[in-house]
Amino acid sequence: MFDFFKGQNLSIDLGTANTLIYMDGAVVLNEPSVVAIRNDRGSLESTVIAVGQDAKNMLGRTPGSIEAIRPMKDGVIADFKVTEKMLQHFIRKVLRSGFFSPSPKVLICVPCGATQVERRAIKESAVGAGARDVYLIEEPMAAALGAGMAIEEASGAMVIDIGGGTTEIAIMSLNGIVYSDSLRVGGDLFDSHIVKFVRREHGVIIGEATAEQIKEEVGSAFETNVVKKIEFRGLDVAKGIPVSFEITNTEIREALQEPLATIVAAVRTALEQTPPELASDIAENGLVLTGGGALLEGLDKLIHQETNLPIRIADDPLTCVARGGGVALDMISKHSMGFLAAE
């Protein structure tokens, strides 16, 4: 569409929950990966009426003719056309210098477990959204670059990137991924478990947005003597009327036991599958947590307890992948491309 443009470099973390764009040394966009569309009567075409935060505010609140959807699922494209429109909107928003802005070179971060078909779909959606050249990089590689890890050395480096749709676990050395695993476990699944827990234990129905807020306010992964309690509102299952209920960090820790156990088990498997020399490096250097899930209180302590490894939470873990993509773009400009994902 904008094939006559040539210009800016954009690193895009196209996430299930949020899309981040890094440009000129800064994160210039961080918005929910949500699109609101209106299904026009008598027409097969649907109209995009809101994208990002505006669309997320509509989740669960739309009339019949309007649908707020999340076009990414488990880190990959679930709705190609809507993803393309969302990307187009975000790219235009950050390149708002005018219609005749140069078309960007784009690097997009993909889950390790993405199939060839899924990778092609991501690449084609970026081209359809106006990108000139599109590169793909695997998320843990970008996360490690963003966290400032020395992945170019002949030494094992381990990263766990917990996003909205997936958790990416990788062990790297010499700018390459030695071992990787992609779990369909992330912040969205945490929210889903909180929704089920509140319904089961409190008899109250809440939406995913409320569950996300509960997770952020009193989320907990590790036992603590400090009790945090907060009041929320939902819908009484039996009476069908709005009610208030209190929930504690202890309850959220119980609600999240299953998905957290899945992550811990996958970390152990990764360590078991690692060559002894690299495992020795990791035992000494520890592992780095990135992604929004790294902000869950006590998660670092839980993984340390279960693995006995030193754990470091990356600075600004939410933006690590997008920033790491920016580092990768600089490396591409210097013709160092060995770390890019296969397409």
C-alpha atoms as a PDB file:
ATOM      1  CA  MET A   1       0.000   0.000   0.000  1.00  0.00           C
ATOM      2  CA  PHE A   2       2.868   2.342   0.867  1.00  0.00           C
ATOM      3  CA  ASP A   3       5.389   0.629  -1.420  1.00  0.00           C
ATOM      4  CA  PHE A   4       6.834   3.917  -2.652  1.00  0.00           C
ATOM      5  CA  PHE A   5       8.044   4.786   0.844  1.00  0.00           C
ATOM      6  CA  LYS A   6      11.505   3.984   2.158  1.00  0.00           C
ATOM      7  CA  GLY A   7      12.611   4.971   5.636  1.00  0.00           C
ATOM      8  CA  GLN A   8      12.165   4.392   9.397  1.00  0.00           C
ATOM      9  CA  ASN A   9      13.194   1.254  11.277  1.00  0.00           C
ATOM     10  CA  LEU A  10      10.491  -0.164  13.573  1.00  0.00           C
ATOM     11  CA  SER A  11      10.793  -3.013  16.075  1.00  0.00           C
ATOM     12  CA  ILE A  12       7.325  -4.441  16.775  1.00  0.00           C
ATOM     13  CA  ASP A  13       6.445  -6.709  19.688  1.00  0.00           C
ATOM     14  CA  LEU A  14       3.147  -7.983  18.288  1.00  0.00           C
ATOM     15  CA  GLY A  15       1.764  -9.525  21.449  1.00  0.00           C
ATOM     16  CA  THR A  16      -1.440 -11.317  22.333  1.00  0.00           C
ATOM     17  CA  ALA A  17      -2.231  -8.725  25.014  1.00  0.00           C
ATOM     18  CA  ASN A  18      -0.302  -5.625  23.893  1.00  0.00           C
ATOM     19  CA  THR A  19       1.552  -4.335  20.846  1.00  0.00           C
ATOM     20  CA  LEU A  20       4.698  -2.288  21.421  1.00  0.00           C
ATOM     21  CA  ILE A  21       6.652  -0.351  18.806  1.00  0.00           C
ATOM     22  CA  TYR A  22      10.242   0.763  19.359  1.00  0.00           C
ATOM     23  CA  MET A  23      11.694   3.480  17.118  1.00  0.00           C
ATOM     24  CA  ASP A  24      14.620   5.911  17.342  1.00  0.00           C
ATOM     25  CA  GLY A  25      15.791   4.583  20.706  1.00  0.00           C
ATOM     26  CA  ALA A  26      12.427   4.664  22.502  1.00  0.00           C
ATOM     27  CA  VAL A  27       9.156   2.756  22.887  1.00  0.00           C
ATOM     28  CA  VAL A  28       6.801   5.028  20.935  1.00  0.00           C
ATOM     29  CA  LEU A  29       3.649   2.902  21.198  1.00  0.00           C
ATOM     30  CA  ASN A  30       2.284   0.529  23.838  1.00  0.00           C
ATOM     31  CA  GLU A  31      -1.370  -0.320  23.267  1.00  0.00           C
ATOM     32  CA  PRO A  32      -3.664  -3.318  23.771  1.00  0.00           C
ATOM     33  CA  SER A  33      -3.874  -5.695  20.785  1.00  0.00           C
ATOM     34  CA  VAL A  34      -7.621  -5.140  20.483  1.00  0.00           C
ATOM     35  CA  VAL A  35      -9.769  -4.011  17.554  1.00  0.00           C
ATOM     36  CA  ALA A  36     -13.443  -2.985  17.669  1.00  0.00           C
ATOM     37  CA  ILE A  37     -15.340  -3.704  14.453  1.00  0.00           C
ATOM     38  CA  ARG A  38     -18.876  -2.928  13.345  1.00  0.00           C
ATOM     39  CA  ASN A  39     -20.630  -5.561  11.260  1.00  0.00           C
ATOM     40  CA  ASP A  40     -22.685  -3.501   8.817  1.00  0.00           C
ATOM     41  CA  ARG A  41     -26.097  -4.910   7.950  1.00  0.00           C
ATOM     42  CA  GLY A  42     -26.485  -6.142   4.417  1.00  0.00           C
ATOM     43  CA  SER A  43     -22.731  -6.039   3.876  1.00  0.00           C
ATOM     44  CA  LEU A  44     -20.061  -8.727   4.086  1.00  0.00           C
ATOM     45  CA  GLU A  45     -17.515  -6.061   5.012  1.00  0.00           C
ATOM     46  CA  SER A  46     -16.881  -4.984   8.582  1.00  0.00           C
ATOM     47  CA  THR A  47     -15.729  -1.504   9.587  1.00  0.00           C
ATOM     48  CA  VAL A  48     -12.951  -0.878  12.115  1.00  0.00           C
ATOM     49  CA  ILE A  49     -14.229   1.728  14.580  1.00  0.00           C
ATOM     50  CA  ALA A  50     -11.490   1.621  17.246  1.00  0.00           C
ATOM     51  CA  VAL A  51      -8.032   0.141  17.788  1.00  0.00           C
ATOM     52  CA  GLY A  52      -5.848  -0.282  20.874  1.00  0.00           C
ATOM     53  CA  GLN A  53      -6.857   1.237  24.223  1.00  0.00           C
ATOM     54  CA  ASP A  54     -10.086   2.713  22.841  1.00  0.00           C
ATOM     55  CA  ALA A  55     -11.099  -0.740  21.612  1.00  0.00           C
ATOM     56  CA  LYS A  56     -10.066  -2.467  24.857  1.00  0.00           C
ATOM     57  CA  ASN A  57     -12.341  -0.128  26.806  1.00  0.00           C
ATOM     58  CA  MET A  58     -15.207  -1.601  24.763  1.00  0.00           C
ATOM     59  CA  LEU A  59     -14.455  -5.269  25.644  1.00  0.00           C
ATOM     60  CA  GLY A  60     -17.580  -6.795  27.177  1.00  0.00           C
ATOM     61  CA  ARG A  61     -19.505  -3.525  26.747  1.00  0.00           C
ATOM     62  CA  THR A  62     -20.499  -3.498  23.065  1.00  0.00           C
ATOM     63  CA  PRO A  63     -23.978  -3.616  21.492  1.00  0.00           C
ATOM     64  CA  GLY A  64     -24.853  -6.484  19.145  1.00  0.00           C
ATOM     65  CA  SER A  65     -23.608  -4.817  15.977  1.00  0.00           C
ATOM     66  CA  ILE A  66     -20.145  -4.021  17.400  1.00  0.00           C
ATOM     67  CA  GLU A  67     -17.550  -6.604  18.375  1.00  0.00           C
ATOM     68  CA  ALA A  68     -14.310  -5.943  20.267  1.00  0.00           C
ATOM     69  CA  ILE A  69     -11.857  -8.678  19.330  1.00  0.00           C
ATOM     70  CA  ARG A  70      -8.264  -9.661  20.016  1.00  0.00           C
ATOM     71  CA  PRO A  71      -6.849 -10.780  16.660  1.00  0.00           C
ATOM     72  CA  MET A  72      -3.766 -12.419  18.220  1.00  0.00           C
ATOM     73  CA  LYS A  73      -4.066 -15.700  20.118  1.00  0.00           C
ATOM     74  CA  ASP A  74      -1.212 -17.529  21.855  1.00  0.00           C
ATOM     75  CA  GLY A  75       1.267 -15.127  20.270  1.00  0.00           C
ATOM     76  CA  VAL A  76       0.198 -15.803  16.680  1.00  0.00           C
ATOM     77  CA  ILE A  77      -2.426 -14.426  14.295  1.00  0.00           C
ATOM     78  CA  ALA A  78      -5.972 -15.698  14.843  1.00  0.00           C
ATOM     79  CA  ASP A  79      -7.628 -13.188  12.465  1.00  0.00           C
ATOM     80  CA  PHE A  80      -5.416 -12.173   9.549  1.00  0.00           C
ATOM     81  CA  LYS A  81      -7.461  -9.267   8.128  1.00  0.00           C
ATOM     82  CA  VAL A  82      -8.054  -7.643  11.498  1.00  0.00           C
ATOM     83  CA  THR A  83      -4.382  -8.038  12.490  1.00  0.00           C
ATOM     84  CA  GLU A  84      -3.348  -6.324   9.255  1.00  0.00           C
ATOM     85  CA  LYS A  85      -5.723  -3.420   9.948  1.00  0.00           C
ATOM     86  CA  MET A  86      -4.469  -3.151  13.520  1.00  0.00           C
ATOM     87  CA  LEU A  87      -0.822  -3.098  12.412  1.00  0.00           C
ATOM     88  CA  GLN A  88      -1.640  -0.530   9.736  1.00  0.00           C
ATOM     89  CA  HIS A  89      -3.279   1.700  12.359  1.00  0.00           C
ATOM     90  CA  PHE A  90      -0.323   1.416  14.765  1.00  0.00           C
ATOM     91  CA  ILE A  91       2.321   1.988  12.066  1.00  0.00           C
ATOM     92  CA  ARG A  92       0.468   5.065  10.776  1.00  0.00           C
ATOM     93  CA  LYS A  93       0.116   6.344  14.336  1.00  0.00           C
ATOM     94  CA  VAL A  94       3.873   6.273  15.018  1.00  0.00           C
ATOM     95  CA  LEU A  95       4.783   7.610  11.553  1.00  0.00           C
ATOM     96  CA  ARG A  96       2.357  10.502  11.842  1.00  0.00           C
ATOM     97  CA  SER A  97       4.633  12.909   9.967  1.00  0.00           C
ATOM     98  CA  GLY A  98       2.279  12.668   7.032  1.00  0.00           C
ATOM     99  CA  PHE A  99       1.064  10.452   4.221  1.00  0.00           C
ATOM    100  CA  PHE A 100       4.319  10.832   2.331  1.00  0.00           C
ATOM    101  CA  SER A 101       6.421   9.441   5.182  1.00  0.00           C
ATOM    102  CA  PRO A 102       8.887   6.793   4.012  1.00  0.00           C
ATOM    103  CA  SER A 103       7.730   3.185   4.291  1.00  0.00           C
ATOM    104  CA  PRO A 104       9.384   1.481   7.275  1.00  0.00           C
ATOM    105  CA  LYS A 105      11.759  -1.437   7.634  1.00  0.00           C
ATOM    106  CA  VAL A 106      10.063  -3.643  10.233  1.00  0.00           C
ATOM    107  CA  LEU A 107      11.305  -6.337  12.592  1.00  0.00           C
ATOM    108  CA  ILE A 108       8.613  -8.429  14.294  1.00  0.00           C
ATOM    109  CA  CYS A 109       9.139 -10.744  17.255  1.00  0.00           C
ATOM    110  CA  VAL A 110       7.566 -14.230  16.966  1.00  0.00           C
ATOM    111  CA  PRO A 111       7.149 -17.095  19.464  1.00  0.00           C
ATOM    112  CA  CYS A 112       9.663 -19.958  19.176  1.00  0.00           C
ATOM    113  CA  GLY A 113       6.763 -22.348  18.632  1.00  0.00           C
ATOM    114  CA  ALA A 114       5.231 -20.420  15.709  1.00  0.00           C
ATOM    115  CA  THR A 115       4.838 -22.631  12.623  1.00  0.00           C
ATOM    116  CA  GLN A 116       6.065 -21.689   9.141  1.00  0.00           C
ATOM    117  CA  VAL A 117       2.462 -20.846   8.192  1.00  0.00           C
ATOM    118  CA  GLU A 118       2.055 -18.620  11.260  1.00  0.00           C
ATOM    119  CA  ARG A 119       5.374 -16.863  10.564  1.00  0.00           C
ATOM    120  CA  ARG A 120       4.384 -16.246   6.950  1.00  0.00           C
ATOM    121  CA  ALA A 121       1.032 -14.812   8.087  1.00  0.00           C
ATOM    122  CA  ILE A 122       2.789 -12.377  10.456  1.00  0.00           C
ATOM    123  CA  LYS A 123       5.181 -11.295   7.714  1.00  0.00           C
ATOM    124  CA  GLU A 124       2.392 -10.840   5.142  1.00  0.00           C
ATOM    125  CA  SER A 125       0.268  -8.824   7.577  1.00  0.00           C
ATOM    126  CA  ALA A 126       3.192  -6.418   8.103  1.00  0.00           C
ATOM    127  CA  VAL A 127       3.715  -6.074   4.344  1.00  0.00           C
ATOM    128  CA  GLY A 128      -0.023  -5.464   3.919  1.00  0.00           C
ATOM    129  CA  ALA A 129       0.172  -2.833   6.666  1.00  0.00           C
ATOM    130  CA  GLY A 130       2.800  -0.880   4.728  1.00  0.00           C
ATOM    131  CA  ALA A 131       6.201  -2.308   5.670  1.00  0.00           C
ATOM    132  CA  ARG A 132       8.991  -2.228   3.091  1.00  0.00           C
ATOM    133  CA  ASP A 133      11.265  -4.997   4.437  1.00  0.00           C
ATOM    134  CA  VAL A 134      10.108  -7.396   7.152  1.00  0.00           C
ATOM    135  CA  TYR A 135      12.411  -9.420   9.400  1.00  0.00           C
ATOM    136  CA  LEU A 136      11.392 -11.929  12.053  1.00  0.00           C
ATOM    137  CA  ILE A 137      13.225 -12.625  15.303  1.00  0.00           C
ATOM    138  CA  GLU A 138      12.299 -15.177  17.957  1.00  0.00           C
ATOM    139  CA  GLU A 139      10.953 -13.556  21.105  1.00  0.00           C
ATOM    140  CA  PRO A 140      13.456 -14.952  23.624  1.00  0.00           C
ATOM    141  CA  MET A 141      16.338 -13.762  21.430  1.00  0.00           C
ATOM    142  CA  ALA A 142      14.821 -10.256  21.347  1.00  0.00           C
ATOM    143  CA  ALA A 143      14.087 -10.438  25.093  1.00  0.00           C
ATOM    144  CA  ALA A 144      17.702 -11.384  25.825  1.00  0.00           C
ATOM    145  CA  LEU A 145      19.029  -8.535  23.672  1.00  0.00           C
ATOM    146  CA  GLY A 146      16.634  -6.111  25.399  1.00  0.00           C
ATOM    147  CA  ALA A 147      17.757  -7.338  28.820  1.00  0.00           C
ATOM    148  CA  GLY A 148      21.390  -6.703  27.905  1.00  0.00           C
ATOM    149  CA  MET A 149      22.406 -10.359  28.118  1.00  0.00           C
ATOM    150  CA  ALA A 150      25.766 -11.362  26.616  1.00  0.00           C
ATOM    151  CA  ILE A 151      24.336 -13.882  24.140  1.00  0.00           C
ATOM    152  CA  GLU A 152      27.268 -13.455  21.742  1.00  0.00           C
ATOM    153  CA  GLU A 153      29.659 -15.185  24.150  1.00  0.00           C
ATOM    154  CA  ALA A 154      30.491 -18.915  24.283  1.00  0.00           C
ATOM    155  CA  SER A 155      28.564 -19.163  27.533  1.00  0.00           C
ATOM    156  CA  GLY A 156      25.047 -20.340  28.369  1.00  0.00           C
ATOM    157  CA  ALA A 157      22.431 -17.622  28.897  1.00  0.00           C
ATOM    158  CA  MET A 158      18.847 -18.446  29.889  1.00  0.00           C
ATOM    159  CA  VAL A 159      15.783 -16.260  29.516  1.00  0.00           C
ATOM    160  CA  ILE A 160      12.117 -16.760  30.396  1.00  0.00           C
ATOM    161  CA  ASP A 161       9.788 -14.334  28.616  1.00  0.00           C
ATOM    162  CA  ILE A 162       6.238 -14.445  30.008  1.00  0.00           C
ATOM    163  CA  GLY A 163       3.851 -12.594  27.727  1.00  0.00           C
ATOM    164  CA  GLY A 164       0.082 -12.422  27.444  1.00  0.00           C
ATOM    165  CA  GLY A 165      -0.343 -15.535  25.312  1.00  0.00           C
ATOM    166  CA  THR A 166       2.868 -17.511  25.652  1.00  0.00           C
ATOM    167  CA  THR A 167       5.852 -18.176  27.861  1.00  0.00           C
ATOM    168  CA  GLU A 168       9.085 -18.513  25.913  1.00  0.00           C
ATOM    169  CA  ILE A 169      11.978 -20.354  27.525  1.00  0.00           C
ATOM    170  CA  ALA A 170      15.344 -20.344  25.773  1.00  0.00           C
ATOM    171  CA  ILE A 171      18.982 -21.115  26.369  1.00  0.00           C
ATOM    172  CA  MET A 172      21.384 -19.228  24.122  1.00  0.00           C
ATOM    173  CA  SER A 173      25.065 -19.176  23.291  1.00  0.00           C
ATOM    174  CA  LEU A 174      27.124 -17.583  20.481  1.00  0.00           C
ATOM    175  CA  ASN A 175      24.126 -15.587  19.141  1.00  0.00           C
ATOM    176  CA  GLY A 176      22.115 -18.771  18.651  1.00  0.00           C
ATOM    177  CA  ILE A 177      19.307 -20.607  20.454  1.00  0.00           C
ATOM    178  CA  VAL A 178      20.561 -23.946  21.826  1.00  0.00           C
ATOM    179  CA  TYR A 179      17.227 -24.950  23.398  1.00  0.00           C
ATOM    180  CA  SER A 180      13.790 -23.383  23.252  1.00  0.00           C
ATOM    181  CA  ASP A 181      10.270 -24.131  24.387  1.00  0.00           C
ATOM    182  CA  SER A 182       7.078 -22.180  23.812  1.00  0.00           C
ATOM    183  CA  LEU A 183       4.225 -22.710  26.286  1.00  0.00           C
ATOM    184  CA  ARG A 184       0.656 -21.599  25.675  1.00  0.00           C
ATOM    185  CA  VAL A 185       0.722 -20.145  29.176  1.00  0.00           C
ATOM    186  CA  GLY A 186       0.845 -16.436  29.962  1.00  0.00           C
ATOM    187  CA  GLY A 187      -0.967 -13.487  31.463  1.00  0.00           C
ATOM    188  CA  ASP A 188      -4.221 -14.329  29.666  1.00  0.00           C
ATOM    189  CA  LEU A 189      -4.292 -17.805  31.199  1.00  0.00           C
ATOM    190  CA  PHE A 190      -3.540 -16.288  34.613  1.00  0.00           C
ATOM    191  CA  ASP A 191      -6.595 -14.026  34.142  1.00  0.00           C
ATOM    192  CA  SER A 192      -8.741 -16.967  33.050  1.00  0.00           C
ATOM    193  CA  HIS A 193      -7.799 -18.932  36.183  1.00  0.00           C
ATOM    194  CA  ILE A 194      -8.676 -15.922  38.353  1.00  0.00           C
ATOM    195  CA  VAL A 195     -12.106 -15.642  36.658  1.00  0.00           C
ATOM    196  CA  LYS A 196     -12.798 -19.348  37.373  1.00  0.00           C
ATOM    197  CA  PHE A 197     -11.526 -19.093  40.950  1.00  0.00           C
ATOM    198  CA  VAL A 198     -13.704 -16.075  41.808  1.00  0.00           C
ATOM    199  CA  ARG A 199     -16.775 -17.798  40.370  1.00  0.00           C
ATOM    200  CA  ARG A 200     -16.060 -21.045  42.213  1.00  0.00           C
ATOM    201  CA  GLU A 201     -14.991 -19.620  45.597  1.00  0.00           C
ATOM    202  CA  HIS A 202     -17.004 -16.384  45.776  1.00  0.00           C
ATOM    203  CA  GLY A 203     -19.991 -17.178  43.551  1.00  0.00           C
ATOM    204  CA  VAL A 204     -19.284 -14.026  41.555  1.00  0.00           C
ATOM    205  CA  ILE A 205     -18.882 -13.551  37.802  1.00  0.00           C
ATOM    206  CA  ILE A 206     -16.157 -11.132  36.709  1.00  0.00           C
ATOM    207  CA  GLY A 207     -14.768 -10.216  33.301  1.00  0.00           C
ATOM    208  CA  GLU A 208     -11.192 -10.640  32.116  1.00  0.00           C
ATOM    209  CA  ALA A 209     -10.477  -6.916  32.570  1.00  0.00           C
ATOM    210  CA  THR A 210     -11.377  -7.178  36.275  1.00  0.00           C
ATOM    211  CA  ALA A 211      -9.304 -10.366  36.598  1.00  0.00           C
ATOM    212  CA  GLU A 212      -6.323  -8.553  35.081  1.00  0.00           C
ATOM    213  CA  GLN A 213      -6.759  -5.714  37.584  1.00  0.00           C
ATOM    214  CA  ILE A 214      -6.935  -8.191  40.486  1.00  0.00           C
ATOM    215  CA  LYS A 215      -3.738  -9.869  39.221  1.00  0.00           C
ATOM    216  CA  GLU A 216      -1.930  -6.526  39.067  1.00  0.00           C
ATOM    217  CA  GLU A 217      -3.144  -5.352  42.494  1.00  0.00           C
ATOM    218  CA  VAL A 218      -2.884  -8.529  44.616  1.00  0.00           C
ATOM    219  CA  GLY A 219      -1.267 -11.082  42.291  1.00  0.00           C
ATOM    220  CA  SER A 220       1.107 -13.443  44.062  1.00  0.00           C
ATOM    221  CA  ALA A 221       3.244 -16.450  43.139  1.00  0.00           C
ATOM    222  CA  PHE A 222       5.089 -17.062  46.405  1.00  0.00           C
ATOM    223  CA  GLU A 223       4.019 -17.511  50.009  1.00  0.00           C
ATOM    224  CA  THR A 224       4.416 -14.403  52.145  1.00  0.00           C
ATOM    225  CA  ASN A 225       3.401 -13.231  55.624  1.00  0.00           C
ATOM    226  CA  VAL A 226       2.099  -9.969  54.170  1.00  0.00           C
ATOM    227  CA  VAL A 227      -1.637 -10.193  53.460  1.00  0.00           C
ATOM    228  CA  LYS A 228      -3.001  -7.909  50.762  1.00  0.00           C
ATOM    229  CA  LYS A 229      -6.753  -7.534  50.441  1.00  0.00           C
ATOM    230  CA  ILE A 230      -8.777  -5.623  47.887  1.00  0.00           C
ATOM    231  CA  GLU A 231     -12.470  -5.103  47.132  1.00  0.00           C
ATOM    232  CA  PHE A 232     -13.953  -5.599  43.662  1.00  0.00           C
ATOM    233  CA  ARG A 233     -17.388  -5.776  42.120  1.00  0.00           C
ATOM    234  CA  GLY A 234     -18.937  -8.479  39.981  1.00  0.00           C
ATOM    235  CA  LEU A 235     -22.232 -10.232  39.273  1.00  0.00           C
ATOM    236  CA  ASP A 236     -23.705 -12.606  41.841  1.00  0.00           C
ATOM    237  CA  VAL A 237     -24.100 -16.017  40.151  1.00  0.00           C
ATOM    238  CA  ALA A 238     -27.256 -16.967  42.072  1.00  0.00           C
ATOM    239  CA  LYS A 239     -29.087 -13.616  42.181  1.00  0.00           C
ATOM    240  CA  GLY A 240     -27.839 -12.020  38.971  1.00  0.00           C
ATOM    241  CA  ILE A 241     -27.230  -8.673  40.681  1.00  0.00           C
ATOM    242  CA  PRO A 242     -24.030  -6.614  41.168  1.00  0.00           C
ATOM    243  CA  VAL A 243     -22.173  -7.409  44.408  1.00  0.00           C
ATOM    244  CA  SER A 244     -18.914  -6.492  46.101  1.00  0.00           C
ATOM    245  CA  PHE A 245     -16.397  -9.103  47.228  1.00  0.00           C
ATOM    246  CA  GLU A 246     -12.971  -9.085  48.862  1.00  0.00           C
ATOM    247  CA  ILE A 247     -10.045 -11.106  47.558  1.00  0.00           C
ATOM    248  CA  THR A 248      -6.526 -11.621  48.934  1.00  0.00           C
ATOM    249  CA  ASN A 249      -3.076 -12.329  47.544  1.00  0.00           C
ATOM    250  CA  THR A 250      -3.217 -15.771  49.225  1.00  0.00           C
ATOM    251  CA  GLU A 251      -6.290 -16.637  47.155  1.00  0.00           C
ATOM    252  CA  ILE A 252      -4.664 -15.449  43.923  1.00  0.00           C
ATOM    253  CA  ARG A 253      -1.611 -17.577  44.657  1.00  0.00           C
ATOM    254  CA  GLU A 254      -3.959 -20.563  44.953  1.00  0.00           C
ATOM    255  CA  ALA A 255      -5.780 -19.580  41.736  1.00  0.00           C
ATOM    256  CA  LEU A 256      -2.505 -19.422  39.780  1.00  0.00           C
ATOM    257  CA  GLN A 257      -0.959 -22.640  41.092  1.00  0.00           C
ATOM    258  CA  GLU A 258      -1.622 -24.687  37.954  1.00  0.00           C
ATOM    259  CA  PRO A 259      -0.236 -22.321  35.263  1.00  0.00           C
ATOM    260  CA  LEU A 260       2.760 -21.454  37.466  1.00  0.00           C
ATOM    261  CA  ALA A 261       3.504 -25.161  37.994  1.00  0.00           C
ATOM    262  CA  THR A 262       3.493 -25.593  34.192  1.00  0.00           C
ATOM    263  CA  ILE A 263       6.108 -22.838  33.809  1.00  0.00           C
ATOM    264  CA  VAL A 264       8.310 -24.253  36.590  1.00  0.00           C
ATOM    265  CA  ALA A 265       8.125 -27.772  35.088  1.00  0.00           C
ATOM    266  CA  ALA A 266       9.154 -26.393  31.676  1.00  0.00           C
ATOM    267  CA  VAL A 267      12.131 -24.569  33.234  1.00  0.00           C
ATOM    268  CA  ARG A 268      13.270 -27.820  34.848  1.00  0.00           C
ATOM    269  CA  THR A 269      12.915 -29.667  31.533  1.00  0.00           C
ATOM    270  CA  ALA A 270      14.989 -26.982  29.796  1.00  0.00           C
ATOM    271  CA  LEU A 271      17.772 -27.412  32.352  1.00  0.00           C
ATOM    272  CA  GLU A 272      17.660 -31.217  31.997  1.00  0.00           C
ATOM    273  CA  GLN A 273      17.952 -30.925  28.187  1.00  0.00           C
ATOM    274  CA  THR A 274      20.881 -28.503  28.300  1.00  0.00           C
ATOM    275  CA  PRO A 275      24.455 -29.671  27.582  1.00  0.00           C
ATOM    276  CA  PRO A 276      26.424 -29.912  30.879  1.00  0.00           C
ATOM    277  CA  GLU A 277      28.834 -27.069  30.038  1.00  0.00           C
ATOM    278  CA  LEU A 278      25.991 -24.627  29.340  1.00  0.00           C
ATOM    279  CA  ALA A 279      24.063 -25.854  32.405  1.00  0.00           C
ATOM    280  CA  SER A 280      27.142 -25.044  34.477  1.00  0.00           C
ATOM    281  CA  ASP A 281      27.192 -21.499  33.026  1.00  0.00           C
ATOM    282  CA  ILE A 282      23.506 -21.038  33.874  1.00  0.00           C
ATOM    283  CA  ALA A 283      24.034 -22.346  37.421  1.00  0.00           C
ATOM    284  CA  GLU A 284      26.642 -19.627  37.841  1.00  0.00           C
ATOM    285  CA  ASN A 285      24.972 -16.766  35.937  1.00  0.00           C
ATOM    286  CA  GLY A 286      21.320 -17.597  36.645  1.00  0.00           C
ATOM    287  CA  LEU A 287      18.398 -16.767  34.419  1.00  0.00           C
ATOM    288  CA  VAL A 288      16.607 -13.579  33.448  1.00  0.00           C
ATOM    289  CA  LEU A 289      12.832 -13.008  33.611  1.00  0.00           C
ATOM    290  CA  THR A 290      11.228 -10.706  31.021  1.00  0.00           C
ATOM    291  CA  GLY A 291       7.702  -9.890  29.832  1.00  0.00           C
ATOM    292  CA  GLY A 292       4.682  -8.680  31.773  1.00  0.00           C
ATOM    293  CA  GLY A 293       4.520 -11.943  33.733  1.00  0.00           C
ATOM    294  CA  ALA A 294       7.889 -11.120  35.315  1.00  0.00           C
ATOM    295  CA  LEU A 295       6.036  -8.434  37.304  1.00  0.00           C
ATOM    296  CA  LEU A 296       3.906 -11.028  39.136  1.00  0.00           C
ATOM    297  CA  GLU A 297       4.942 -10.623  42.757  1.00  0.00           C
ATOM    298  CA  GLY A 298       7.132 -13.449  44.038  1.00  0.00           C
ATOM    299  CA  LEU A 299       7.569 -15.256  40.707  1.00  0.00           C
ATOM    300  CA  ASP A 300      11.348 -14.835  40.884  1.00  0.00           C
ATOM    301  CA  LYS A 301      11.343 -16.317  44.402  1.00  0.00           C
ATOM    302  CA  LEU A 302       9.194 -19.273  43.278  1.00  0.00           C
ATOM    303  CA  ILE A 303      11.503 -20.154  40.365  1.00  0.00           C
ATOM    304  CA  HIS A 304      14.565 -19.736  42.602  1.00  0.00           C
ATOM    305  CA  GLN A 305      13.040 -22.066  45.207  1.00  0.00           C
ATOM    306  CA  GLU A 306      12.240 -24.706  42.573  1.00  0.00           C
ATOM    307  CA  THR A 307      15.528 -24.535  40.613  1.00  0.00           C
ATOM    308  CA  ASN A 308      18.079 -23.128  43.080  1.00  0.00           C
ATOM    309  CA  LEU A 309      19.254 -20.760  40.319  1.00  0.00           C
ATOM    310  CA  PRO A 310      19.971 -17.047  40.746  1.00  0.00           C
ATOM    311  CA  ILE A 311      17.063 -15.107  39.189  1.00  0.00           C
ATOM    312  CA  ARG A 312      17.174 -11.576  37.813  1.00  0.00           C
ATOM    313  CA  ILE A 313      14.142  -9.582  36.685  1.00  0.00           C
ATOM    314  CA  ALA A 314      15.115  -7.484  33.666  1.00  0.00           C
ATOM    315  CA  ASP A 315      14.834  -3.707  33.888  1.00  0.00           C
ATOM    316  CA  ASP A 316      11.453  -2.655  32.467  1.00  0.00           C
ATOM    317  CA  PRO A 317      10.542  -6.276  31.584  1.00  0.00           C
ATOM    318  CA  LEU A 318       7.388  -5.244  29.679  1.00  0.00           C
ATOM    319  CA  THR A 319       9.390  -3.503  26.959  1.00  0.00           C
ATOM    320  CA  CYS A 320      12.373  -5.903  26.777  1.00  0.00           C
ATOM    321  CA  VAL A 321      11.246  -7.669  23.592  1.00  0.00           C
ATOM    322  CA  ALA A 322      10.505  -4.439  21.700  1.00  0.00           C
ATOM    323  CA  ARG A 323      13.795  -2.860  22.824  1.00  0.00           C
ATOM    324  CA  GLY A 324      15.708  -6.025  21.935  1.00  0.00           C
ATOM    325  CA  GLY A 325      14.167  -5.908  18.472  1.00  0.00           C
ATOM    326  CA  GLY A 326      15.597  -2.398  18.161  1.00  0.00           C
ATOM    327  CA  VAL A 327      19.062  -3.734  19.044  1.00  0.00           C
ATOM    328  CA  ALA A 328      18.585  -6.460  16.418  1.00  0.00           C
ATOM    329  CA  LEU A 329      17.667  -3.878  13.757  1.00  0.00           C
ATOM    330  CA  ASP A 330      20.915  -2.042  14.486  1.00  0.00           C
ATOM    331  CA  MET A 331      22.775  -5.332  14.081  1.00  0.00           C
ATOM    332  CA  ILE A 332      20.996  -5.991  10.767  1.00  0.00           C
ATOM    333  CA  SER A 333      22.161  -2.584   9.556  1.00  0.00           C
ATOM    334  CA  LYS A 334      25.696  -3.802  10.301  1.00  0.00           C
ATOM    335  CA  HIS A 335      24.991  -7.005   8.304  1.00  0.00           C
ATOM    336  CA  SER A 336      24.973  -9.301  11.324  1.00  0.00           C
ATOM    337  CA  MET A 337      21.860 -11.423  10.739  1.00  0.00           C
ATOM    338  CA  GLY A 338      22.666 -14.873  12.137  1.00  0.00           C
ATOM    339  CA  PHE A 339      20.277 -14.480  15.079  1.00  0.00           C
ATOM    340  CA  LEU A 340      17.146 -13.881  12.938  1.00  0.00           C
ATOM    341  CA  ALA A 341      14.311 -16.425  13.004  1.00  0.00           C
ATOM    342  CA  ALA A 342      13.937 -18.843  10.121  1.00  0.00           C
ATOM    343  CA  GLU A 343      10.948 -18.083   7.930  1.00  0.00           C
END
